[in-house]
């Protein structure tokens, strides 16, 4: 994933179809809701479970304007942290770690009385790894990536010459991820979960 990010940054910087833009940092808080689907192991059916967790995060982002369309820019957002998605309880003996979270997006900005409301849509992807909480459980296989569509709205304004402040609210709906493990005497049980992420963030960026 890190190699992909490096290549995308290089392409955006060197492509003549784009001009000007901004680079910035973001601080956010939000809620991650994980939903574990029901499954059967050893003749026992375990019910679906859900759990939500409040959290904080930081990200860096880079955007370039599209000269042919006024107000349109493309960008990349990267979270350099690892998040854990799990569900408590004896019947939940697996969890996943989410890392290198990256969102590629298009952003359309309007100008209204000195401030700039915007809408954004993107495609988010991340690397995942799966682990077993119990020594008696073996993970046979698991998905190694996850993805989903991100929607966001916000407003930005210039706070000082060339420096922009931004407030943003976003929602990401991730696709289902699965892991196949031993469980309750069964040698092969598929367990799956999905997650939704809602965030509110503030950012500061330097235009160029």
N, C-alpha and C. Protein backbone atom coordinates (compact mmCIF):
# COMPACT_ATOMS: atom_id res chain seq x y z
N UNK A 1 0.81 -1.20 0.00
CA UNK A 1 0.00 0.00 0.00
C UNK A 1 0.85 1.26 0.00
N UNK A 2 1.96 1.27 0.76
CA UNK A 2 2.81 2.45 0.83
C UNK A 2 3.44 2.75 -0.53
N UNK A 3 3.77 1.71 -1.29
CA UNK A 3 4.31 1.92 -2.64
C UNK A 3 3.27 2.56 -3.54
N UNK A 4 2.02 2.13 -3.40
CA UNK A 4 0.94 2.71 -4.20
C UNK A 4 0.77 4.18 -3.87
N UNK A 5 0.81 4.52 -2.60
CA UNK A 5 0.68 5.91 -2.17
C UNK A 5 1.78 6.76 -2.77
N UNK A 6 3.02 6.28 -2.73
CA UNK A 6 4.16 7.02 -3.27
C UNK A 6 3.99 7.27 -4.76
N UNK A 7 3.55 6.25 -5.50
CA UNK A 7 3.36 6.39 -6.94
C UNK A 7 2.26 7.40 -7.24
N UNK A 8 1.15 7.35 -6.50
CA UNK A 8 0.04 8.28 -6.73
C UNK A 8 0.46 9.72 -6.47
N UNK A 9 1.21 9.95 -5.40
CA UNK A 9 1.70 11.29 -5.12
C UNK A 9 2.56 11.79 -6.27
N UNK A 10 3.47 10.93 -6.74
CA UNK A 10 4.36 11.32 -7.82
C UNK A 10 3.60 11.64 -9.09
N UNK A 11 2.58 10.84 -9.41
CA UNK A 11 1.77 11.07 -10.61
C UNK A 11 1.02 12.39 -10.52
N UNK A 12 0.46 12.69 -9.34
CA UNK A 12 -0.31 13.91 -9.18
C UNK A 12 0.57 15.14 -9.30
N UNK A 13 1.80 15.06 -8.77
CA UNK A 13 2.70 16.20 -8.79
C UNK A 13 3.21 16.48 -10.20
N UNK A 14 3.45 15.42 -10.98
CA UNK A 14 4.09 15.59 -12.27
C UNK A 14 3.12 15.69 -13.44
N UNK A 15 1.84 15.44 -13.22
CA UNK A 15 0.87 15.46 -14.31
C UNK A 15 0.50 16.90 -14.67
N UNK A 16 0.64 17.25 -15.93
CA UNK A 16 0.39 18.62 -16.38
C UNK A 16 -1.09 18.98 -16.41
N UNK A 17 -1.97 17.99 -16.28
CA UNK A 17 -3.41 18.26 -16.32
C UNK A 17 -3.89 18.97 -15.06
N UNK A 18 -3.04 19.06 -14.05
CA UNK A 18 -3.43 19.67 -12.79
C UNK A 18 -2.57 20.90 -12.52
N UNK A 19 -3.12 21.84 -11.75
CA UNK A 19 -2.39 23.05 -11.41
C UNK A 19 -2.80 23.53 -10.03
N UNK A 20 -1.81 23.99 -9.28
CA UNK A 20 -2.05 24.51 -7.92
C UNK A 20 -2.69 23.44 -7.04
N UNK A 21 -2.89 23.77 -5.80
CA UNK A 21 -3.48 22.82 -4.88
C UNK A 21 -3.11 23.16 -3.46
N UNK A 22 -3.16 22.16 -2.58
CA UNK A 22 -2.80 22.37 -1.18
C UNK A 22 -2.33 21.08 -0.55
N UNK A 23 -1.58 21.21 0.54
CA UNK A 23 -1.15 20.08 1.34
C UNK A 23 -1.45 20.41 2.78
N UNK A 24 -1.96 19.45 3.54
CA UNK A 24 -2.39 19.78 4.89
C UNK A 24 -2.39 18.61 5.84
N UNK A 25 -2.72 18.90 7.09
CA UNK A 25 -2.85 17.90 8.14
C UNK A 25 -4.24 18.00 8.74
N UNK A 26 -4.72 16.88 9.26
CA UNK A 26 -6.09 16.79 9.75
C UNK A 26 -6.11 16.10 11.10
N UNK A 27 -6.97 16.60 12.00
CA UNK A 27 -7.23 15.94 13.29
C UNK A 27 -8.72 15.67 13.37
N UNK A 28 -9.08 14.45 13.73
CA UNK A 28 -10.49 14.10 13.75
C UNK A 28 -10.88 13.22 14.91
N UNK A 29 -12.17 13.21 15.20
CA UNK A 29 -12.78 12.28 16.15
C UNK A 29 -13.97 11.64 15.46
N UNK A 30 -14.34 10.48 15.93
CA UNK A 30 -15.47 9.82 15.29
C UNK A 30 -15.85 8.54 15.97
N UNK A 31 -16.70 7.79 15.29
CA UNK A 31 -17.19 6.52 15.83
C UNK A 31 -17.04 5.43 14.78
N UNK A 32 -16.41 4.35 15.19
CA UNK A 32 -16.29 3.16 14.36
C UNK A 32 -17.24 2.10 14.89
N UNK A 33 -18.16 1.64 14.05
CA UNK A 33 -19.11 0.60 14.45
C UNK A 33 -18.80 -0.67 13.69
N UNK A 34 -18.46 -1.73 14.43
CA UNK A 34 -18.16 -3.03 13.83
C UNK A 34 -19.34 -3.96 14.02
N UNK A 35 -19.66 -4.73 12.99
CA UNK A 35 -20.80 -5.65 13.03
C UNK A 35 -20.33 -7.04 12.64
N UNK A 36 -20.32 -7.94 13.64
CA UNK A 36 -19.95 -9.33 13.38
C UNK A 36 -21.19 -10.13 13.03
N UNK A 37 -21.15 -10.84 11.91
CA UNK A 37 -22.28 -11.65 11.48
C UNK A 37 -22.35 -12.96 12.27
N UNK A 38 -23.53 -13.55 12.34
CA UNK A 38 -23.69 -14.83 13.03
C UNK A 38 -22.97 -15.94 12.27
N UNK A 39 -22.60 -16.99 12.98
CA UNK A 39 -21.95 -18.15 12.35
C UNK A 39 -22.22 -19.39 13.20
N UNK A 40 -22.02 -20.57 12.62
CA UNK A 40 -22.23 -21.84 13.31
C UNK A 40 -20.92 -22.60 13.39
N UNK A 41 -20.61 -23.09 14.58
CA UNK A 41 -19.38 -23.86 14.80
C UNK A 41 -19.67 -24.97 15.80
N UNK A 42 -19.28 -26.21 15.47
CA UNK A 42 -19.49 -27.33 16.38
C UNK A 42 -20.94 -27.57 16.74
N UNK A 43 -21.83 -27.26 15.82
CA UNK A 43 -23.26 -27.46 16.07
C UNK A 43 -23.92 -26.34 16.84
N UNK A 44 -23.17 -25.31 17.20
CA UNK A 44 -23.73 -24.18 17.94
C UNK A 44 -23.74 -22.94 17.05
N UNK A 45 -24.86 -22.24 17.05
CA UNK A 45 -24.98 -21.00 16.29
C UNK A 45 -24.74 -19.81 17.20
N UNK A 46 -23.81 -18.97 16.82
CA UNK A 46 -23.47 -17.78 17.60
C UNK A 46 -24.12 -16.56 16.95
N UNK A 47 -24.78 -15.77 17.76
CA UNK A 47 -25.56 -14.63 17.26
C UNK A 47 -24.65 -13.51 16.77
N UNK A 48 -25.20 -12.70 15.90
CA UNK A 48 -24.49 -11.51 15.44
C UNK A 48 -24.30 -10.54 16.59
N UNK A 49 -23.21 -9.78 16.52
CA UNK A 49 -22.91 -8.79 17.55
C UNK A 49 -22.45 -7.50 16.91
N UNK A 50 -22.68 -6.40 17.60
CA UNK A 50 -22.21 -5.10 17.14
C UNK A 50 -21.58 -4.35 18.29
N UNK A 51 -20.59 -3.53 17.96
CA UNK A 51 -19.95 -2.70 18.97
C UNK A 51 -19.45 -1.43 18.33
N UNK A 52 -19.63 -0.31 19.04
CA UNK A 52 -19.17 0.98 18.55
C UNK A 52 -18.07 1.50 19.47
N UNK A 53 -17.10 2.19 18.88
CA UNK A 53 -15.99 2.73 19.64
C UNK A 53 -15.68 4.15 19.17
N UNK A 54 -15.67 5.10 20.13
CA UNK A 54 -15.23 6.45 19.82
C UNK A 54 -13.71 6.47 19.72
N UNK A 55 -13.19 7.36 18.91
CA UNK A 55 -11.74 7.36 18.69
C UNK A 55 -11.28 8.72 18.19
N UNK A 56 -9.97 8.90 18.18
CA UNK A 56 -9.33 10.06 17.59
C UNK A 56 -8.37 9.58 16.51
N UNK A 57 -8.07 10.44 15.56
CA UNK A 57 -7.14 10.05 14.52
C UNK A 57 -6.50 11.29 13.90
N UNK A 58 -5.43 11.08 13.17
CA UNK A 58 -4.77 12.13 12.43
C UNK A 58 -4.50 11.67 11.01
N UNK A 59 -4.42 12.61 10.09
CA UNK A 59 -4.18 12.26 8.69
C UNK A 59 -3.43 13.40 8.00
N UNK A 60 -2.82 13.06 6.89
CA UNK A 60 -2.24 14.06 6.00
C UNK A 60 -2.96 13.96 4.66
N UNK A 61 -3.06 15.09 3.96
CA UNK A 61 -3.75 15.04 2.67
C UNK A 61 -3.07 15.99 1.68
N UNK A 62 -3.32 15.70 0.41
CA UNK A 62 -2.71 16.45 -0.69
C UNK A 62 -3.74 16.58 -1.79
N UNK A 63 -3.95 17.79 -2.29
CA UNK A 63 -4.96 18.03 -3.32
C UNK A 63 -4.38 18.86 -4.46
N UNK A 64 -4.88 18.59 -5.66
CA UNK A 64 -4.52 19.37 -6.84
C UNK A 64 -5.78 19.81 -7.56
N UNK A 65 -5.80 21.05 -8.02
CA UNK A 65 -6.94 21.58 -8.76
C UNK A 65 -6.98 21.03 -10.18
N UNK A 66 -8.20 20.89 -10.71
CA UNK A 66 -8.42 20.50 -12.11
C UNK A 66 -8.79 21.77 -12.87
N UNK A 67 -7.87 22.36 -13.65
CA UNK A 67 -8.12 23.66 -14.28
C UNK A 67 -9.35 23.70 -15.17
N UNK A 68 -9.67 22.57 -15.82
CA UNK A 68 -10.78 22.56 -16.77
C UNK A 68 -12.14 22.69 -16.11
N UNK A 69 -12.23 22.40 -14.79
CA UNK A 69 -13.50 22.45 -14.07
C UNK A 69 -13.31 23.32 -12.84
N UNK A 70 -13.88 24.51 -12.86
CA UNK A 70 -13.72 25.43 -11.73
C UNK A 70 -14.32 24.83 -10.46
N UNK A 71 -13.54 24.83 -9.39
CA UNK A 71 -14.00 24.32 -8.10
C UNK A 71 -13.70 22.85 -7.87
N UNK A 72 -13.22 22.14 -8.90
CA UNK A 72 -12.96 20.71 -8.76
C UNK A 72 -11.49 20.45 -8.48
N UNK A 73 -11.23 19.54 -7.56
CA UNK A 73 -9.88 19.08 -7.28
C UNK A 73 -9.91 17.59 -6.97
N UNK A 74 -8.76 16.97 -7.09
CA UNK A 74 -8.62 15.57 -6.69
C UNK A 74 -7.62 15.51 -5.55
N UNK A 75 -7.76 14.50 -4.71
CA UNK A 75 -6.87 14.44 -3.56
C UNK A 75 -6.64 13.03 -3.07
N UNK A 76 -5.70 12.94 -2.13
CA UNK A 76 -5.39 11.68 -1.47
C UNK A 76 -5.23 11.97 0.01
N UNK A 77 -5.83 11.13 0.84
CA UNK A 77 -5.84 11.29 2.29
C UNK A 77 -5.25 10.02 2.90
N UNK A 78 -4.28 10.17 3.80
CA UNK A 78 -3.59 8.99 4.36
C UNK A 78 -3.56 9.07 5.88
N UNK A 79 -4.01 8.00 6.55
CA UNK A 79 -3.98 7.89 8.01
C UNK A 79 -2.83 6.98 8.41
N UNK A 80 -1.79 7.50 9.05
CA UNK A 80 -0.61 6.69 9.36
C UNK A 80 -0.72 5.96 10.70
N UNK A 81 -1.88 5.42 11.01
CA UNK A 81 -2.09 4.72 12.27
C UNK A 81 -2.76 3.38 12.01
N UNK A 82 -2.71 2.50 13.03
CA UNK A 82 -3.36 1.19 12.96
C UNK A 82 -4.57 1.17 13.88
N UNK A 83 -5.71 0.67 13.38
CA UNK A 83 -6.93 0.56 14.18
C UNK A 83 -7.31 -0.91 14.31
N UNK A 84 -7.89 -1.26 15.46
CA UNK A 84 -8.32 -2.63 15.72
C UNK A 84 -9.84 -2.71 15.65
N UNK A 85 -10.35 -3.66 14.87
CA UNK A 85 -11.80 -3.90 14.75
C UNK A 85 -12.08 -5.25 15.38
N UNK A 86 -12.83 -5.25 16.51
CA UNK A 86 -13.12 -6.50 17.21
C UNK A 86 -14.46 -6.39 17.91
N UNK A 87 -14.97 -7.53 18.38
CA UNK A 87 -16.21 -7.58 19.13
C UNK A 87 -15.95 -8.37 20.39
N UNK A 88 -16.30 -7.83 21.56
CA UNK A 88 -16.07 -8.51 22.83
C UNK A 88 -16.96 -9.74 22.97
N UNK A 89 -16.51 -10.69 23.80
CA UNK A 89 -17.35 -11.85 24.09
C UNK A 89 -16.62 -13.14 23.79
N UNK A 90 -16.94 -14.21 24.53
CA UNK A 90 -16.26 -15.49 24.35
C UNK A 90 -16.50 -16.08 22.98
N UNK A 91 -17.63 -15.72 22.34
CA UNK A 91 -17.94 -16.29 21.03
C UNK A 91 -17.21 -15.55 19.91
N UNK A 92 -16.49 -14.51 20.24
CA UNK A 92 -15.75 -13.74 19.24
C UNK A 92 -14.27 -13.92 19.49
N UNK A 93 -13.63 -14.84 18.77
CA UNK A 93 -12.23 -15.13 19.04
C UNK A 93 -11.32 -14.67 17.92
N UNK A 94 -11.77 -13.71 17.12
CA UNK A 94 -10.94 -13.15 16.06
C UNK A 94 -11.12 -11.64 16.01
N UNK A 95 -10.09 -10.96 15.55
CA UNK A 95 -10.20 -9.51 15.32
C UNK A 95 -9.29 -9.16 14.16
N UNK A 96 -9.50 -7.97 13.60
CA UNK A 96 -8.67 -7.53 12.49
C UNK A 96 -8.02 -6.20 12.83
N UNK A 97 -6.82 -5.98 12.28
CA UNK A 97 -6.14 -4.70 12.39
C UNK A 97 -6.16 -4.01 11.03
N UNK A 98 -6.51 -2.74 11.05
CA UNK A 98 -6.63 -1.93 9.85
C UNK A 98 -5.47 -0.94 9.82
N UNK A 99 -4.71 -0.92 8.72
CA UNK A 99 -3.55 -0.03 8.63
C UNK A 99 -3.44 0.56 7.23
N UNK A 100 -2.59 1.59 7.10
CA UNK A 100 -2.36 2.27 5.82
C UNK A 100 -3.67 2.68 5.15
N UNK A 101 -4.56 3.26 5.93
CA UNK A 101 -5.86 3.69 5.40
C UNK A 101 -5.67 4.85 4.44
N UNK A 102 -6.11 4.69 3.20
CA UNK A 102 -5.90 5.68 2.16
C UNK A 102 -7.21 5.94 1.42
N UNK A 103 -7.50 7.21 1.18
CA UNK A 103 -8.71 7.59 0.45
C UNK A 103 -8.33 8.44 -0.75
N UNK A 104 -8.73 8.02 -1.93
CA UNK A 104 -8.62 8.82 -3.14
C UNK A 104 -9.97 9.47 -3.38
N UNK A 105 -10.00 10.77 -3.66
CA UNK A 105 -11.29 11.45 -3.71
C UNK A 105 -11.30 12.61 -4.71
N UNK A 106 -12.52 12.97 -5.06
CA UNK A 106 -12.77 14.19 -5.79
C UNK A 106 -13.52 15.15 -4.89
N UNK A 107 -13.18 16.43 -4.96
CA UNK A 107 -13.77 17.43 -4.09
C UNK A 107 -14.25 18.61 -4.93
N UNK A 108 -15.50 19.01 -4.71
CA UNK A 108 -16.04 20.16 -5.45
C UNK A 108 -16.36 21.27 -4.45
N UNK A 109 -15.75 22.42 -4.68
CA UNK A 109 -15.87 23.56 -3.77
C UNK A 109 -16.66 24.69 -4.42
N UNK A 110 -17.51 25.33 -3.63
CA UNK A 110 -18.28 26.50 -4.07
C UNK A 110 -17.83 27.73 -3.27
N UNK A 111 -18.14 28.90 -3.75
CA UNK A 111 -17.78 30.13 -3.06
C UNK A 111 -19.05 30.86 -2.64
N UNK A 112 -19.25 30.98 -1.32
CA UNK A 112 -20.46 31.62 -0.80
C UNK A 112 -20.05 32.62 0.28
N UNK A 113 -20.14 33.88 -0.04
CA UNK A 113 -19.91 34.97 0.92
C UNK A 113 -18.59 34.82 1.67
N UNK A 114 -17.53 34.52 0.95
CA UNK A 114 -16.20 34.47 1.55
C UNK A 114 -15.80 33.15 2.15
N UNK A 115 -16.72 32.20 2.25
CA UNK A 115 -16.39 30.85 2.70
C UNK A 115 -16.67 29.88 1.57
N UNK A 116 -16.13 28.67 1.69
CA UNK A 116 -16.24 27.71 0.59
C UNK A 116 -16.78 26.38 1.09
N UNK A 117 -18.11 26.16 1.02
CA UNK A 117 -18.65 24.83 1.31
C UNK A 117 -18.22 23.86 0.22
N UNK A 118 -18.10 22.57 0.59
CA UNK A 118 -17.66 21.59 -0.39
C UNK A 118 -18.33 20.25 -0.15
N UNK A 119 -18.36 19.46 -1.19
CA UNK A 119 -18.80 18.06 -1.11
C UNK A 119 -17.66 17.20 -1.63
N UNK A 120 -17.58 15.99 -1.11
CA UNK A 120 -16.46 15.11 -1.46
C UNK A 120 -16.94 13.68 -1.54
N UNK A 121 -16.45 12.95 -2.51
CA UNK A 121 -16.72 11.51 -2.60
C UNK A 121 -15.41 10.82 -2.94
N UNK A 122 -15.17 9.70 -2.28
CA UNK A 122 -13.90 9.02 -2.48
C UNK A 122 -14.01 7.52 -2.32
N UNK A 123 -12.91 6.86 -2.58
CA UNK A 123 -12.82 5.41 -2.43
C UNK A 123 -11.72 5.13 -1.42
N UNK A 124 -12.08 4.52 -0.30
CA UNK A 124 -11.14 4.25 0.78
C UNK A 124 -10.70 2.79 0.78
N UNK A 125 -9.43 2.56 1.03
CA UNK A 125 -8.91 1.20 1.08
C UNK A 125 -7.85 1.11 2.17
N UNK A 126 -7.66 -0.09 2.70
CA UNK A 126 -6.69 -0.28 3.77
C UNK A 126 -6.22 -1.73 3.79
N UNK A 127 -5.05 -1.94 4.36
CA UNK A 127 -4.54 -3.28 4.59
C UNK A 127 -5.11 -3.80 5.90
N UNK A 128 -5.41 -5.09 5.96
CA UNK A 128 -5.89 -5.68 7.20
C UNK A 128 -5.11 -6.95 7.51
N UNK A 129 -5.05 -7.28 8.80
CA UNK A 129 -4.48 -8.54 9.25
C UNK A 129 -5.40 -9.11 10.30
N UNK A 130 -5.45 -10.42 10.41
CA UNK A 130 -6.37 -11.08 11.35
C UNK A 130 -5.58 -11.85 12.39
N UNK A 131 -6.11 -11.89 13.61
CA UNK A 131 -5.45 -12.54 14.73
C UNK A 131 -6.49 -13.33 15.54
N UNK A 132 -6.04 -14.35 16.25
CA UNK A 132 -6.90 -15.13 17.14
C UNK A 132 -6.56 -14.81 18.58
N UNK A 133 -7.58 -14.59 19.41
CA UNK A 133 -7.36 -14.30 20.82
C UNK A 133 -6.98 -15.55 21.62
N UNK A 134 -7.41 -16.72 21.16
CA UNK A 134 -7.22 -17.95 21.91
C UNK A 134 -6.10 -18.78 21.29
N UNK A 135 -5.25 -19.38 22.16
CA UNK A 135 -4.18 -20.24 21.66
C UNK A 135 -4.74 -21.48 20.96
N UNK A 136 -5.96 -21.88 21.33
CA UNK A 136 -6.56 -23.08 20.75
C UNK A 136 -7.20 -22.82 19.38
N UNK A 137 -7.19 -21.58 18.95
CA UNK A 137 -7.80 -21.22 17.66
C UNK A 137 -6.71 -20.96 16.62
N UNK A 138 -6.87 -21.54 15.44
CA UNK A 138 -5.96 -21.32 14.33
C UNK A 138 -6.68 -20.59 13.21
N UNK A 139 -6.06 -19.56 12.68
CA UNK A 139 -6.62 -18.85 11.53
C UNK A 139 -6.13 -19.53 10.25
N UNK A 140 -7.05 -20.09 9.50
CA UNK A 140 -6.70 -20.78 8.26
C UNK A 140 -6.43 -19.81 7.12
N UNK A 141 -7.25 -18.78 7.02
CA UNK A 141 -7.09 -17.78 5.95
C UNK A 141 -7.89 -16.55 6.34
N UNK A 142 -7.58 -15.42 5.70
CA UNK A 142 -8.34 -14.19 5.95
C UNK A 142 -8.13 -13.21 4.82
N UNK A 143 -9.08 -12.29 4.64
CA UNK A 143 -8.93 -11.22 3.67
C UNK A 143 -7.76 -10.32 4.08
N UNK A 144 -7.00 -9.83 3.11
CA UNK A 144 -5.85 -8.99 3.43
C UNK A 144 -6.06 -7.53 3.09
N UNK A 145 -7.28 -7.16 2.67
CA UNK A 145 -7.58 -5.76 2.39
C UNK A 145 -9.07 -5.53 2.56
N UNK A 146 -9.43 -4.27 2.73
CA UNK A 146 -10.83 -3.88 2.82
C UNK A 146 -11.00 -2.54 2.14
N UNK A 147 -12.23 -2.23 1.74
CA UNK A 147 -12.45 -0.99 1.02
C UNK A 147 -13.89 -0.55 1.19
N UNK A 148 -14.15 0.70 0.83
CA UNK A 148 -15.49 1.23 0.91
C UNK A 148 -15.56 2.62 0.32
N UNK A 149 -16.78 3.11 0.14
CA UNK A 149 -17.00 4.44 -0.42
C UNK A 149 -17.14 5.45 0.72
N UNK A 150 -16.48 6.60 0.56
CA UNK A 150 -16.52 7.67 1.55
C UNK A 150 -17.26 8.88 1.00
N UNK A 151 -18.18 9.42 1.80
CA UNK A 151 -18.91 10.64 1.46
C UNK A 151 -18.59 11.69 2.52
N UNK A 152 -18.41 12.93 2.10
CA UNK A 152 -18.09 13.98 3.06
C UNK A 152 -18.66 15.32 2.61
N UNK A 153 -18.95 16.16 3.59
CA UNK A 153 -19.34 17.55 3.34
C UNK A 153 -18.56 18.41 4.33
N UNK A 154 -18.38 19.68 3.97
CA UNK A 154 -17.65 20.55 4.87
C UNK A 154 -17.60 21.96 4.38
N UNK A 155 -16.78 22.76 5.06
CA UNK A 155 -16.61 24.15 4.70
C UNK A 155 -15.16 24.53 4.97
N UNK A 156 -14.61 25.40 4.12
CA UNK A 156 -13.25 25.87 4.32
C UNK A 156 -13.18 27.37 4.04
N UNK A 157 -12.16 28.00 4.62
CA UNK A 157 -11.96 29.43 4.42
C UNK A 157 -10.49 29.75 4.63
N UNK A 158 -10.04 30.82 4.02
CA UNK A 158 -8.65 31.25 4.19
C UNK A 158 -8.52 31.97 5.52
N UNK A 159 -7.62 31.48 6.39
CA UNK A 159 -7.44 32.09 7.71
C UNK A 159 -6.34 33.14 7.69
N UNK A 160 -5.28 32.90 6.96
CA UNK A 160 -4.27 33.90 6.67
C UNK A 160 -3.83 33.67 5.23
N UNK A 161 -3.02 34.55 4.70
CA UNK A 161 -2.63 34.48 3.30
C UNK A 161 -2.04 33.11 2.95
N UNK A 162 -2.75 32.37 2.09
CA UNK A 162 -2.27 31.08 1.61
C UNK A 162 -2.50 29.91 2.54
N UNK A 163 -3.13 30.14 3.69
CA UNK A 163 -3.38 29.07 4.67
C UNK A 163 -4.89 28.91 4.82
N UNK A 164 -5.35 27.70 4.61
CA UNK A 164 -6.78 27.40 4.66
C UNK A 164 -7.13 26.62 5.92
N UNK A 165 -8.27 26.95 6.52
CA UNK A 165 -8.84 26.15 7.60
C UNK A 165 -10.05 25.39 7.07
N UNK A 166 -10.28 24.20 7.60
CA UNK A 166 -11.36 23.36 7.06
C UNK A 166 -12.03 22.56 8.18
N UNK A 167 -13.36 22.44 8.09
CA UNK A 167 -14.14 21.54 8.93
C UNK A 167 -14.86 20.56 8.03
N UNK A 168 -14.86 19.29 8.42
CA UNK A 168 -15.42 18.24 7.55
C UNK A 168 -16.11 17.16 8.36
N UNK A 169 -17.22 16.65 7.82
CA UNK A 169 -17.91 15.48 8.36
C UNK A 169 -17.93 14.41 7.27
N UNK A 170 -17.60 13.17 7.63
CA UNK A 170 -17.53 12.11 6.62
C UNK A 170 -18.15 10.82 7.12
N UNK A 171 -18.52 9.99 6.17
CA UNK A 171 -19.09 8.66 6.46
C UNK A 171 -18.52 7.67 5.46
N UNK A 172 -18.01 6.55 5.97
CA UNK A 172 -17.48 5.48 5.12
C UNK A 172 -18.16 4.17 5.45
N UNK A 173 -18.65 3.50 4.43
CA UNK A 173 -19.27 2.18 4.60
C UNK A 173 -18.34 1.14 3.98
N UNK A 174 -17.74 0.31 4.82
CA UNK A 174 -16.77 -0.67 4.36
C UNK A 174 -17.45 -1.97 3.93
N UNK A 175 -16.85 -2.64 2.97
CA UNK A 175 -17.32 -3.95 2.55
C UNK A 175 -17.04 -4.98 3.64
N UNK A 176 -17.68 -6.12 3.52
CA UNK A 176 -17.49 -7.22 4.47
C UNK A 176 -16.10 -7.81 4.35
N UNK A 177 -15.51 -8.17 5.50
CA UNK A 177 -14.24 -8.90 5.52
C UNK A 177 -14.48 -10.23 6.22
N UNK A 178 -13.68 -11.23 5.86
CA UNK A 178 -13.89 -12.58 6.39
C UNK A 178 -12.58 -13.21 6.84
N UNK A 179 -12.70 -14.10 7.82
CA UNK A 179 -11.58 -14.94 8.25
C UNK A 179 -12.10 -16.35 8.47
N UNK A 180 -11.33 -17.34 8.05
CA UNK A 180 -11.69 -18.74 8.27
C UNK A 180 -10.80 -19.30 9.36
N UNK A 181 -11.43 -19.85 10.43
CA UNK A 181 -10.67 -20.33 11.58
C UNK A 181 -11.20 -21.69 12.06
N UNK A 182 -10.41 -22.32 12.94
CA UNK A 182 -10.95 -23.41 13.74
C UNK A 182 -11.80 -22.80 14.84
N UNK A 183 -12.84 -23.53 15.29
CA UNK A 183 -13.71 -22.95 16.31
C UNK A 183 -14.63 -24.01 16.90
N UNK A 184 -14.61 -24.16 18.23
CA UNK A 184 -15.55 -25.02 18.95
C UNK A 184 -15.56 -26.44 18.38
N UNK A 185 -14.38 -26.98 18.07
CA UNK A 185 -14.26 -28.32 17.54
C UNK A 185 -14.33 -28.42 16.04
N UNK A 186 -14.76 -27.37 15.37
CA UNK A 186 -14.81 -27.36 13.90
C UNK A 186 -13.46 -26.92 13.34
N UNK A 187 -13.05 -27.55 12.26
CA UNK A 187 -11.75 -27.23 11.67
C UNK A 187 -11.80 -26.09 10.67
N UNK A 188 -13.01 -25.72 10.22
CA UNK A 188 -13.13 -24.66 9.21
C UNK A 188 -14.45 -23.92 9.41
N UNK A 189 -14.35 -22.71 9.96
CA UNK A 189 -15.53 -21.88 10.19
C UNK A 189 -15.22 -20.49 9.64
N UNK A 190 -16.10 -19.97 8.80
CA UNK A 190 -15.92 -18.63 8.25
C UNK A 190 -16.66 -17.61 9.11
N UNK A 191 -15.92 -16.62 9.57
CA UNK A 191 -16.48 -15.54 10.37
C UNK A 191 -16.30 -14.24 9.58
N UNK A 192 -17.33 -13.42 9.58
CA UNK A 192 -17.29 -12.20 8.77
C UNK A 192 -17.81 -11.01 9.57
N UNK A 193 -17.36 -9.84 9.15
CA UNK A 193 -17.78 -8.60 9.81
C UNK A 193 -17.66 -7.46 8.83
N UNK A 194 -18.41 -6.40 9.10
CA UNK A 194 -18.25 -5.17 8.34
C UNK A 194 -18.20 -4.00 9.33
N UNK A 195 -17.91 -2.81 8.82
CA UNK A 195 -17.77 -1.67 9.71
C UNK A 195 -18.18 -0.39 9.00
N UNK A 196 -18.70 0.56 9.78
CA UNK A 196 -19.02 1.90 9.31
C UNK A 196 -18.21 2.90 10.13
N UNK A 197 -17.72 3.93 9.48
CA UNK A 197 -16.91 4.94 10.15
C UNK A 197 -17.51 6.32 9.91
N UNK A 198 -17.84 7.01 11.00
CA UNK A 198 -18.34 8.39 10.93
C UNK A 198 -17.35 9.29 11.63
N UNK A 199 -16.89 10.35 10.96
CA UNK A 199 -15.87 11.22 11.54
C UNK A 199 -16.25 12.69 11.42
N UNK A 200 -15.68 13.48 12.31
CA UNK A 200 -15.73 14.94 12.27
C UNK A 200 -14.30 15.44 12.46
N UNK A 201 -13.85 16.29 11.58
CA UNK A 201 -12.43 16.66 11.62
C UNK A 201 -12.24 18.15 11.34
N UNK A 202 -11.10 18.65 11.81
CA UNK A 202 -10.64 20.00 11.46
C UNK A 202 -9.27 19.83 10.81
N UNK A 203 -8.97 20.74 9.90
CA UNK A 203 -7.72 20.63 9.17
C UNK A 203 -7.17 22.01 8.87
N UNK A 204 -5.87 22.05 8.66
CA UNK A 204 -5.20 23.26 8.21
C UNK A 204 -4.31 22.88 7.04
N UNK A 205 -4.31 23.70 6.00
CA UNK A 205 -3.58 23.35 4.80
C UNK A 205 -2.94 24.59 4.20
N UNK A 206 -1.82 24.36 3.52
CA UNK A 206 -1.10 25.44 2.83
C UNK A 206 -1.32 25.28 1.34
N UNK A 207 -1.82 26.34 0.72
CA UNK A 207 -2.02 26.31 -0.73
C UNK A 207 -0.72 26.63 -1.45
N UNK A 208 -0.63 26.20 -2.71
CA UNK A 208 0.58 26.46 -3.51
C UNK A 208 0.17 26.63 -4.98
